[in-house]
mmCIF file of all heavy atoms, coordinates in Angstrom:
data_MODEL
# 
_entry.id   MODEL 
# 
loop_
_atom_site.group_PDB 
_atom_site.id 
_atom_site.type_symbol 
_atom_site.label_atom_id 
_atom_site.label_alt_id 
_atom_site.label_comp_id 
_atom_site.label_asym_id 
_atom_site.label_entity_id 
_atom_site.label_seq_id 
_atom_site.pdbx_PDB_ins_code 
_atom_site.Cartn_x 
_atom_site.Cartn_y 
_atom_site.Cartn_z 
_atom_site.occupancy 
_atom_site.B_iso_or_equiv 
_atom_site.pdbx_formal_charge 
_atom_site.auth_seq_id 
_atom_site.auth_comp_id 
_atom_site.auth_asym_id 
_atom_site.auth_atom_id 
_atom_site.pdbx_PDB_model_num 
ATOM 1   N N   . GLN A 1 1  ? 35.130 -8.884  -45.602 1.00 0.00 ? 1  GLN A N   1 
ATOM 2   C CA  . GLN A 1 1  ? 33.758 -8.934  -45.099 1.00 0.00 ? 1  GLN A CA  1 
ATOM 3   C C   . GLN A 1 1  ? 33.647 -8.223  -43.754 1.00 0.00 ? 1  GLN A C   1 
ATOM 4   O O   . GLN A 1 1  ? 32.770 -7.377  -43.535 1.00 0.00 ? 1  GLN A O   1 
ATOM 5   C CB  . GLN A 1 1  ? 33.305 -10.387 -44.920 1.00 0.00 ? 1  GLN A CB  1 
ATOM 6   C CG  . GLN A 1 1  ? 33.037 -11.153 -46.193 1.00 0.00 ? 1  GLN A CG  1 
ATOM 7   C CD  . GLN A 1 1  ? 32.631 -12.590 -45.893 1.00 0.00 ? 1  GLN A CD  1 
ATOM 8   O OE1 . GLN A 1 1  ? 33.187 -13.232 -44.989 1.00 0.00 ? 1  GLN A OE1 1 
ATOM 9   N NE2 . GLN A 1 1  ? 31.666 -13.096 -46.630 1.00 0.00 ? 1  GLN A NE2 1 
ATOM 10  N N   . ARG A 1 2  ? 34.551 -8.564  -42.852 1.00 0.00 ? 2  ARG A N   1 
ATOM 11  C CA  . ARG A 1 2  ? 34.501 -8.011  -41.488 1.00 0.00 ? 2  ARG A CA  1 
ATOM 12  C C   . ARG A 1 2  ? 34.697 -6.500  -41.501 1.00 0.00 ? 2  ARG A C   1 
ATOM 13  O O   . ARG A 1 2  ? 34.015 -5.762  -40.775 1.00 0.00 ? 2  ARG A O   1 
ATOM 14  C CB  . ARG A 1 2  ? 35.566 -8.706  -40.643 1.00 0.00 ? 2  ARG A CB  1 
ATOM 15  C CG  . ARG A 1 2  ? 35.530 -8.332  -39.183 1.00 0.00 ? 2  ARG A CG  1 
ATOM 16  C CD  . ARG A 1 2  ? 36.515 -9.199  -38.420 1.00 0.00 ? 2  ARG A CD  1 
ATOM 17  N NE  . ARG A 1 2  ? 35.965 -10.501 -38.093 1.00 0.00 ? 2  ARG A NE  1 
ATOM 18  C CZ  . ARG A 1 2  ? 36.678 -11.628 -38.057 1.00 0.00 ? 2  ARG A CZ  1 
ATOM 19  N NH1 . ARG A 1 2  ? 37.948 -11.635 -38.411 1.00 0.00 ? 2  ARG A NH1 1 
ATOM 20  N NH2 . ARG A 1 2  ? 36.095 -12.758 -37.700 1.00 0.00 ? 2  ARG A NH2 1 
ATOM 21  N N   . GLN A 1 3  ? 35.594 -6.019  -42.343 1.00 0.00 ? 3  GLN A N   1 
ATOM 22  C CA  . GLN A 1 3  ? 35.828 -4.574  -42.436 1.00 0.00 ? 3  GLN A CA  1 
ATOM 23  C C   . GLN A 1 3  ? 34.565 -3.837  -42.869 1.00 0.00 ? 3  GLN A C   1 
ATOM 24  O O   . GLN A 1 3  ? 34.193 -2.801  -42.289 1.00 0.00 ? 3  GLN A O   1 
ATOM 25  C CB  . GLN A 1 3  ? 36.951 -4.307  -43.443 1.00 0.00 ? 3  GLN A CB  1 
ATOM 26  C CG  . GLN A 1 3  ? 37.182 -2.837  -43.765 1.00 0.00 ? 3  GLN A CG  1 
ATOM 27  C CD  . GLN A 1 3  ? 38.070 -2.654  -44.981 1.00 0.00 ? 3  GLN A CD  1 
ATOM 28  O OE1 . GLN A 1 3  ? 38.831 -3.543  -45.354 1.00 0.00 ? 3  GLN A OE1 1 
ATOM 29  N NE2 . GLN A 1 3  ? 37.987 -1.497  -45.610 1.00 0.00 ? 3  GLN A NE2 1 
ATOM 30  N N   . LEU A 1 4  ? 33.868 -4.374  -43.884 1.00 0.00 ? 4  LEU A N   1 
ATOM 31  C CA  . LEU A 1 4  ? 32.647 -3.733  -44.376 1.00 0.00 ? 4  LEU A CA  1 
ATOM 32  C C   . LEU A 1 4  ? 31.531 -3.793  -43.340 1.00 0.00 ? 4  LEU A C   1 
ATOM 33  O O   . LEU A 1 4  ? 30.766 -2.825  -43.187 1.00 0.00 ? 4  LEU A O   1 
ATOM 34  C CB  . LEU A 1 4  ? 32.198 -4.407  -45.676 1.00 0.00 ? 4  LEU A CB  1 
ATOM 35  C CG  . LEU A 1 4  ? 33.167 -4.303  -46.860 1.00 0.00 ? 4  LEU A CG  1 
ATOM 36  C CD1 . LEU A 1 4  ? 32.664 -5.126  -48.041 1.00 0.00 ? 4  LEU A CD1 1 
ATOM 37  C CD2 . LEU A 1 4  ? 33.372 -2.848  -47.277 1.00 0.00 ? 4  LEU A CD2 1 
ATOM 38  N N   . GLU A 1 5  ? 31.436 -4.896  -42.615 1.00 0.00 ? 5  GLU A N   1 
ATOM 39  C CA  . GLU A 1 5  ? 30.387 -5.040  -41.603 1.00 0.00 ? 5  GLU A CA  1 
ATOM 40  C C   . GLU A 1 5  ? 30.613 -4.099  -40.426 1.00 0.00 ? 5  GLU A C   1 
ATOM 41  O O   . GLU A 1 5  ? 29.654 -3.516  -39.889 1.00 0.00 ? 5  GLU A O   1 
ATOM 42  C CB  . GLU A 1 5  ? 30.344 -6.497  -41.129 1.00 0.00 ? 5  GLU A CB  1 
ATOM 43  C CG  . GLU A 1 5  ? 29.890 -7.463  -42.217 1.00 0.00 ? 5  GLU A CG  1 
ATOM 44  C CD  . GLU A 1 5  ? 30.217 -8.913  -41.926 1.00 0.00 ? 5  GLU A CD  1 
ATOM 45  O OE1 . GLU A 1 5  ? 30.655 -9.221  -40.793 1.00 0.00 ? 5  GLU A OE1 1 
ATOM 46  O OE2 . GLU A 1 5  ? 30.039 -9.763  -42.827 1.00 0.00 ? 5  GLU A OE2 1 
ATOM 47  N N   . ARG A 1 6  ? 31.857 -3.930  -40.019 1.00 0.00 ? 6  ARG A N   1 
ATOM 48  C CA  . ARG A 1 6  ? 32.154 -3.018  -38.910 1.00 0.00 ? 6  ARG A CA  1 
ATOM 49  C C   . ARG A 1 6  ? 31.967 -1.562  -39.327 1.00 0.00 ? 6  ARG A C   1 
ATOM 50  O O   . ARG A 1 6  ? 31.527 -0.725  -38.522 1.00 0.00 ? 6  ARG A O   1 
ATOM 51  C CB  . ARG A 1 6  ? 33.569 -3.274  -38.397 1.00 0.00 ? 6  ARG A CB  1 
ATOM 52  C CG  . ARG A 1 6  ? 33.689 -4.622  -37.678 1.00 0.00 ? 6  ARG A CG  1 
ATOM 53  C CD  . ARG A 1 6  ? 35.088 -4.919  -37.202 1.00 0.00 ? 6  ARG A CD  1 
ATOM 54  N NE  . ARG A 1 6  ? 35.120 -6.153  -36.410 1.00 0.00 ? 6  ARG A NE  1 
ATOM 55  C CZ  . ARG A 1 6  ? 36.221 -6.713  -35.931 1.00 0.00 ? 6  ARG A CZ  1 
ATOM 56  N NH1 . ARG A 1 6  ? 37.404 -6.144  -36.159 1.00 0.00 ? 6  ARG A NH1 1 
ATOM 57  N NH2 . ARG A 1 6  ? 36.145 -7.818  -35.218 1.00 0.00 ? 6  ARG A NH2 1 
ATOM 58  N N   . ASN A 1 7  ? 32.296 -1.268  -40.554 1.00 0.00 ? 7  ASN A N   1 
ATOM 59  C CA  . ASN A 1 7  ? 32.066 0.083   -41.071 1.00 0.00 ? 7  ASN A CA  1 
ATOM 60  C C   . ASN A 1 7  ? 30.567 0.396   -41.100 1.00 0.00 ? 7  ASN A C   1 
ATOM 61  O O   . ASN A 1 7  ? 30.136 1.502   -40.739 1.00 0.00 ? 7  ASN A O   1 
ATOM 62  C CB  . ASN A 1 7  ? 32.660 0.208   -42.473 1.00 0.00 ? 7  ASN A CB  1 
ATOM 63  C CG  . ASN A 1 7  ? 32.454 1.584   -43.073 1.00 0.00 ? 7  ASN A CG  1 
ATOM 64  O OD1 . ASN A 1 7  ? 32.770 2.600   -42.458 1.00 0.00 ? 7  ASN A OD1 1 
ATOM 65  N ND2 . ASN A 1 7  ? 31.919 1.633   -44.286 1.00 0.00 ? 7  ASN A ND2 1 
ATOM 66  N N   . ALA A 1 8  ? 29.755 -0.586  -41.525 1.00 0.00 ? 8  ALA A N   1 
ATOM 67  C CA  . ALA A 1 8  ? 28.306 -0.395  -41.555 1.00 0.00 ? 8  ALA A CA  1 
ATOM 68  C C   . ALA A 1 8  ? 27.759 -0.175  -40.150 1.00 0.00 ? 8  ALA A C   1 
ATOM 69  O O   . ALA A 1 8  ? 26.811 0.605   -39.958 1.00 0.00 ? 8  ALA A O   1 
ATOM 70  C CB  . ALA A 1 8  ? 27.631 -1.602  -42.211 1.00 0.00 ? 8  ALA A CB  1 
ATOM 71  N N   . TYR A 1 9  ? 28.329 -0.845  -39.168 1.00 0.00 ? 9  TYR A N   1 
ATOM 72  C CA  . TYR A 1 9  ? 27.912 -0.660  -37.774 1.00 0.00 ? 9  TYR A CA  1 
ATOM 73  C C   . TYR A 1 9  ? 28.108 0.788   -37.333 1.00 0.00 ? 9  TYR A C   1 
ATOM 74  O O   . TYR A 1 9  ? 27.219 1.397   -36.724 1.00 0.00 ? 9  TYR A O   1 
ATOM 75  C CB  . TYR A 1 9  ? 28.718 -1.612  -36.891 1.00 0.00 ? 9  TYR A CB  1 
ATOM 76  C CG  . TYR A 1 9  ? 28.446 -1.504  -35.408 1.00 0.00 ? 9  TYR A CG  1 
ATOM 77  C CD1 . TYR A 1 9  ? 27.319 -2.093  -34.850 1.00 0.00 ? 9  TYR A CD1 1 
ATOM 78  C CD2 . TYR A 1 9  ? 29.335 -0.837  -34.562 1.00 0.00 ? 9  TYR A CD2 1 
ATOM 79  C CE1 . TYR A 1 9  ? 27.080 -2.015  -33.475 1.00 0.00 ? 9  TYR A CE1 1 
ATOM 80  C CE2 . TYR A 1 9  ? 29.111 -0.749  -33.195 1.00 0.00 ? 9  TYR A CE2 1 
ATOM 81  C CZ  . TYR A 1 9  ? 27.980 -1.334  -32.663 1.00 0.00 ? 9  TYR A CZ  1 
ATOM 82  O OH  . TYR A 1 9  ? 27.742 -1.255  -31.311 1.00 0.00 ? 9  TYR A OH  1 
ATOM 83  N N   . VAL A 1 10 ? 29.249 1.340   -37.675 1.00 0.00 ? 10 VAL A N   1 
ATOM 84  C CA  . VAL A 1 10 ? 29.530 2.737   -37.328 1.00 0.00 ? 10 VAL A CA  1 
ATOM 85  C C   . VAL A 1 10 ? 28.609 3.678   -38.096 1.00 0.00 ? 10 VAL A C   1 
ATOM 86  O O   . VAL A 1 10 ? 28.046 4.627   -37.538 1.00 0.00 ? 10 VAL A O   1 
ATOM 87  C CB  . VAL A 1 10 ? 31.009 3.066   -37.599 1.00 0.00 ? 10 VAL A CB  1 
ATOM 88  C CG1 . VAL A 1 10 ? 31.277 4.561   -37.391 1.00 0.00 ? 10 VAL A CG1 1 
ATOM 89  C CG2 . VAL A 1 10 ? 31.917 2.233   -36.702 1.00 0.00 ? 10 VAL A CG2 1 
ATOM 90  N N   . MET A 1 11 ? 28.419 3.400   -39.399 1.00 0.00 ? 11 MET A N   1 
ATOM 91  C CA  . MET A 1 11 ? 27.562 4.245   -40.221 1.00 0.00 ? 11 MET A CA  1 
ATOM 92  C C   . MET A 1 11 ? 26.119 4.253   -39.711 1.00 0.00 ? 11 MET A C   1 
ATOM 93  O O   . MET A 1 11 ? 25.398 5.249   -39.842 1.00 0.00 ? 11 MET A O   1 
ATOM 94  C CB  . MET A 1 11 ? 27.590 3.775   -41.674 1.00 0.00 ? 11 MET A CB  1 
ATOM 95  C CG  . MET A 1 11 ? 28.914 3.992   -42.384 1.00 0.00 ? 11 MET A CG  1 
ATOM 96  S SD  . MET A 1 11 ? 28.880 3.372   -44.085 1.00 0.00 ? 11 MET A SD  1 
ATOM 97  C CE  . MET A 1 11 ? 27.726 4.538   -44.834 1.00 0.00 ? 11 MET A CE  1 
ATOM 98  N N   . GLY A 1 12 ? 25.688 3.155   -39.125 1.00 0.00 ? 12 GLY A N   1 
ATOM 99  C CA  . GLY A 1 12 ? 24.329 3.047   -38.618 1.00 0.00 ? 12 GLY A CA  1 
ATOM 100 C C   . GLY A 1 12 ? 24.129 3.647   -37.239 1.00 0.00 ? 12 GLY A C   1 
ATOM 101 O O   . GLY A 1 12 ? 23.006 3.679   -36.739 1.00 0.00 ? 12 GLY A O   1 
ATOM 102 N N   . GLY A 1 13 ? 25.207 4.097   -36.602 1.00 0.00 ? 13 GLY A N   1 
ATOM 103 C CA  . GLY A 1 13 ? 25.105 4.713   -35.284 1.00 0.00 ? 13 GLY A CA  1 
ATOM 104 C C   . GLY A 1 13 ? 25.685 3.893   -34.157 1.00 0.00 ? 13 GLY A C   1 
ATOM 105 O O   . GLY A 1 13 ? 25.486 4.199   -32.984 1.00 0.00 ? 13 GLY A O   1 
ATOM 106 N N   . SER A 1 14 ? 26.395 2.801   -34.485 1.00 0.00 ? 14 SER A N   1 
ATOM 107 C CA  . SER A 1 14 ? 27.070 1.947   -33.489 1.00 0.00 ? 14 SER A CA  1 
ATOM 108 C C   . SER A 1 14 ? 26.095 1.335   -32.478 1.00 0.00 ? 14 SER A C   1 
ATOM 109 O O   . SER A 1 14 ? 26.410 1.187   -31.291 1.00 0.00 ? 14 SER A O   1 
ATOM 110 C CB  . SER A 1 14 ? 28.164 2.747   -32.764 1.00 0.00 ? 14 SER A CB  1 
ATOM 111 O OG  . SER A 1 14 ? 29.144 3.197   -33.678 1.00 0.00 ? 14 SER A OG  1 
ATOM 112 N N   . ASN A 1 15 ? 24.900 0.976   -32.963 1.00 0.00 ? 15 ASN A N   1 
ATOM 113 C CA  . ASN A 1 15 ? 23.899 0.361   -32.077 1.00 0.00 ? 15 ASN A CA  1 
ATOM 114 C C   . ASN A 1 15 ? 23.129 -0.752  -32.789 1.00 0.00 ? 15 ASN A C   1 
ATOM 115 O O   . ASN A 1 15 ? 22.046 -1.133  -32.349 1.00 0.00 ? 15 ASN A O   1 
ATOM 116 C CB  . ASN A 1 15 ? 22.933 1.425   -31.569 1.00 0.00 ? 15 ASN A CB  1 
ATOM 117 C CG  . ASN A 1 15 ? 22.223 2.153   -32.704 1.00 0.00 ? 15 ASN A CG  1 
ATOM 118 O OD1 . ASN A 1 15 ? 22.485 1.892   -33.883 1.00 0.00 ? 15 ASN A OD1 1 
ATOM 119 N ND2 . ASN A 1 15 ? 21.338 3.073   -32.370 1.00 0.00 ? 15 ASN A ND2 1 
ATOM 120 N N   . TYR A 1 16 ? 23.685 -1.293  -33.881 1.00 0.00 ? 16 TYR A N   1 
ATOM 121 C CA  . TYR A 1 16 ? 23.108 -2.333  -34.730 1.00 0.00 ? 16 TYR A CA  1 
ATOM 122 C C   . TYR A 1 16 ? 21.996 -1.840  -35.643 1.00 0.00 ? 16 TYR A C   1 
ATOM 123 O O   . TYR A 1 16 ? 21.390 -2.640  -36.358 1.00 0.00 ? 16 TYR A O   1 
ATOM 124 C CB  . TYR A 1 16 ? 22.633 -3.552  -33.911 1.00 0.00 ? 16 TYR A CB  1 
ATOM 125 C CG  . TYR A 1 16 ? 23.775 -4.244  -33.217 1.00 0.00 ? 16 TYR A CG  1 
ATOM 126 C CD1 . TYR A 1 16 ? 23.947 -4.131  -31.837 1.00 0.00 ? 16 TYR A CD1 1 
ATOM 127 C CD2 . TYR A 1 16 ? 24.705 -4.984  -33.933 1.00 0.00 ? 16 TYR A CD2 1 
ATOM 128 C CE1 . TYR A 1 16 ? 24.998 -4.746  -31.187 1.00 0.00 ? 16 TYR A CE1 1 
ATOM 129 C CE2 . TYR A 1 16 ? 25.772 -5.609  -33.300 1.00 0.00 ? 16 TYR A CE2 1 
ATOM 130 C CZ  . TYR A 1 16 ? 25.923 -5.485  -31.926 1.00 0.00 ? 16 TYR A CZ  1 
ATOM 131 O OH  . TYR A 1 16 ? 26.976 -6.095  -31.298 1.00 0.00 ? 16 TYR A OH  1 
ATOM 132 N N   . ASP A 1 17 ? 21.710 -0.529  -35.644 1.00 0.00 ? 17 ASP A N   1 
ATOM 133 C CA  . ASP A 1 17 ? 20.882 0.016   -36.713 1.00 0.00 ? 17 ASP A CA  1 
ATOM 134 C C   . ASP A 1 17 ? 21.688 -0.040  -38.007 1.00 0.00 ? 17 ASP A C   1 
ATOM 135 O O   . ASP A 1 17 ? 22.925 0.019   -37.982 1.00 0.00 ? 17 ASP A O   1 
ATOM 136 C CB  . ASP A 1 17 ? 20.490 1.464   -36.420 1.00 0.00 ? 17 ASP A CB  1 
ATOM 137 C CG  . ASP A 1 17 ? 19.483 1.580   -35.290 1.00 0.00 ? 17 ASP A CG  1 
ATOM 138 O OD1 . ASP A 1 17 ? 19.003 0.528   -34.822 1.00 0.00 ? 17 ASP A OD1 1 
ATOM 139 O OD2 . ASP A 1 17 ? 19.193 2.718   -34.879 1.00 0.00 ? 17 ASP A OD2 1 
ATOM 140 N N   . ALA A 1 18 ? 20.996 -0.158  -39.132 1.00 0.00 ? 18 ALA A N   1 
ATOM 141 C CA  . ALA A 1 18 ? 21.683 -0.311  -40.417 1.00 0.00 ? 18 ALA A CA  1 
ATOM 142 C C   . ALA A 1 18 ? 21.679 1.007   -41.188 1.00 0.00 ? 18 ALA A C   1 
ATOM 143 O O   . ALA A 1 18 ? 20.685 1.748   -41.162 1.00 0.00 ? 18 ALA A O   1 
ATOM 144 C CB  . ALA A 1 18 ? 21.000 -1.389  -41.251 1.00 0.00 ? 18 ALA A CB  1 
ATOM 145 N N   . PRO A 1 19 ? 22.752 1.315   -41.892 1.00 0.00 ? 19 PRO A N   1 
ATOM 146 C CA  . PRO A 1 19 ? 22.749 2.496   -42.758 1.00 0.00 ? 19 PRO A CA  1 
ATOM 147 C C   . PRO A 1 19 ? 21.853 2.266   -43.962 1.00 0.00 ? 19 PRO A C   1 
ATOM 148 O O   . PRO A 1 19 ? 21.827 1.168   -44.529 1.00 0.00 ? 19 PRO A O   1 
ATOM 149 C CB  . PRO A 1 19 ? 24.214 2.627   -43.166 1.00 0.00 ? 19 PRO A CB  1 
ATOM 150 C CG  . PRO A 1 19 ? 24.765 1.236   -43.093 1.00 0.00 ? 19 PRO A CG  1 
ATOM 151 C CD  . PRO A 1 19 ? 24.033 0.583   -41.952 1.00 0.00 ? 19 PRO A CD  1 
ATOM 152 N N   . ALA A 1 20 ? 21.086 3.282   -44.349 1.00 0.00 ? 20 ALA A N   1 
ATOM 153 C CA  . ALA A 1 20 ? 20.133 3.139   -45.450 1.00 0.00 ? 20 ALA A CA  1 
ATOM 154 C C   . ALA A 1 20 ? 20.060 4.435   -46.245 1.00 0.00 ? 20 ALA A C   1 
ATOM 155 O O   . ALA A 1 20 ? 20.416 5.513   -45.752 1.00 0.00 ? 20 ALA A O   1 
ATOM 156 C CB  . ALA A 1 20 ? 18.753 2.758   -44.920 1.00 0.00 ? 20 ALA A CB  1 
ATOM 157 N N   . GLN A 1 21 ? 19.580 4.318   -47.480 1.00 0.00 ? 21 GLN A N   1 
ATOM 158 C CA  . GLN A 1 21 ? 19.461 5.482   -48.356 1.00 0.00 ? 21 GLN A CA  1 
ATOM 159 C C   . GLN A 1 21 ? 18.455 5.184   -49.461 1.00 0.00 ? 21 GLN A C   1 
ATOM 160 O O   . GLN A 1 21 ? 18.387 4.052   -49.957 1.00 0.00 ? 21 GLN A O   1 
ATOM 161 C CB  . GLN A 1 21 ? 20.827 5.837   -48.972 1.00 0.00 ? 21 GLN A CB  1 
ATOM 162 C CG  . GLN A 1 21 ? 20.856 7.154   -49.728 1.00 0.00 ? 21 GLN A CG  1 
ATOM 163 C CD  . GLN A 1 21 ? 22.263 7.523   -50.196 1.00 0.00 ? 21 GLN A CD  1 
ATOM 164 O OE1 . GLN A 1 21 ? 23.137 6.659   -50.345 1.00 0.00 ? 21 GLN A OE1 1 
ATOM 165 N NE2 . GLN A 1 21 ? 22.492 8.804   -50.424 1.00 0.00 ? 21 GLN A NE2 1 
ATOM 166 N N   . MET A 1 22 ? 17.686 6.190   -49.841 1.00 0.00 ? 22 MET A N   1 
ATOM 167 C CA  . MET A 1 22 ? 16.780 6.015   -50.967 1.00 0.00 ? 22 MET A CA  1 
ATOM 168 C C   . MET A 1 22 ? 17.587 5.914   -52.264 1.00 0.00 ? 22 MET A C   1 
ATOM 169 O O   . MET A 1 22 ? 18.652 6.526   -52.405 1.00 0.00 ? 22 MET A O   1 
ATOM 170 C CB  . MET A 1 22 ? 15.789 7.179   -51.055 1.00 0.00 ? 22 MET A CB  1 
ATOM 171 C CG  . MET A 1 22 ? 14.726 7.181   -49.978 1.00 0.00 ? 22 MET A CG  1 
ATOM 172 S SD  . MET A 1 22 ? 13.437 8.409   -50.289 1.00 0.00 ? 22 MET A SD  1 
ATOM 173 C CE  . MET A 1 22 ? 14.389 9.923   -50.252 1.00 0.00 ? 22 MET A CE  1 
ATOM 174 N N   . VAL A 1 23 ? 17.063 5.148   -53.221 1.00 0.00 ? 23 VAL A N   1 
ATOM 175 C CA  . VAL A 1 23 ? 17.765 4.914   -54.477 1.00 0.00 ? 23 VAL A CA  1 
ATOM 176 C C   . VAL A 1 23 ? 18.040 6.212   -55.223 1.00 0.00 ? 23 VAL A C   1 
ATOM 177 O O   . VAL A 1 23 ? 19.141 6.432   -55.748 1.00 0.00 ? 23 VAL A O   1 
ATOM 178 C CB  . VAL A 1 23 ? 16.977 3.928   -55.359 1.00 0.00 ? 23 VAL A CB  1 
ATOM 179 C CG1 . VAL A 1 23 ? 17.474 3.949   -56.804 1.00 0.00 ? 23 VAL A CG1 1 
ATOM 180 C CG2 . VAL A 1 23 ? 17.090 2.513   -54.799 1.00 0.00 ? 23 VAL A CG2 1 
ATOM 181 N N   . GLY A 1 24 ? 17.044 7.107   -55.277 1.00 0.00 ? 24 GLY A N   1 
ATOM 182 C CA  . GLY A 1 24 ? 17.249 8.373   -55.977 1.00 0.00 ? 24 GLY A CA  1 
ATOM 183 C C   . GLY A 1 24 ? 18.382 9.176   -55.388 1.00 0.00 ? 24 GLY A C   1 
ATOM 184 O O   . GLY A 1 24 ? 19.204 9.759   -56.112 1.00 0.00 ? 24 GLY A O   1 
# 
């Protein structure tokens, strides 16, 4: 869990923004 959450933090810009993508 922690590994995925920290990876998402980096993917989002390391400022608590979340990574996102359109389904298509």
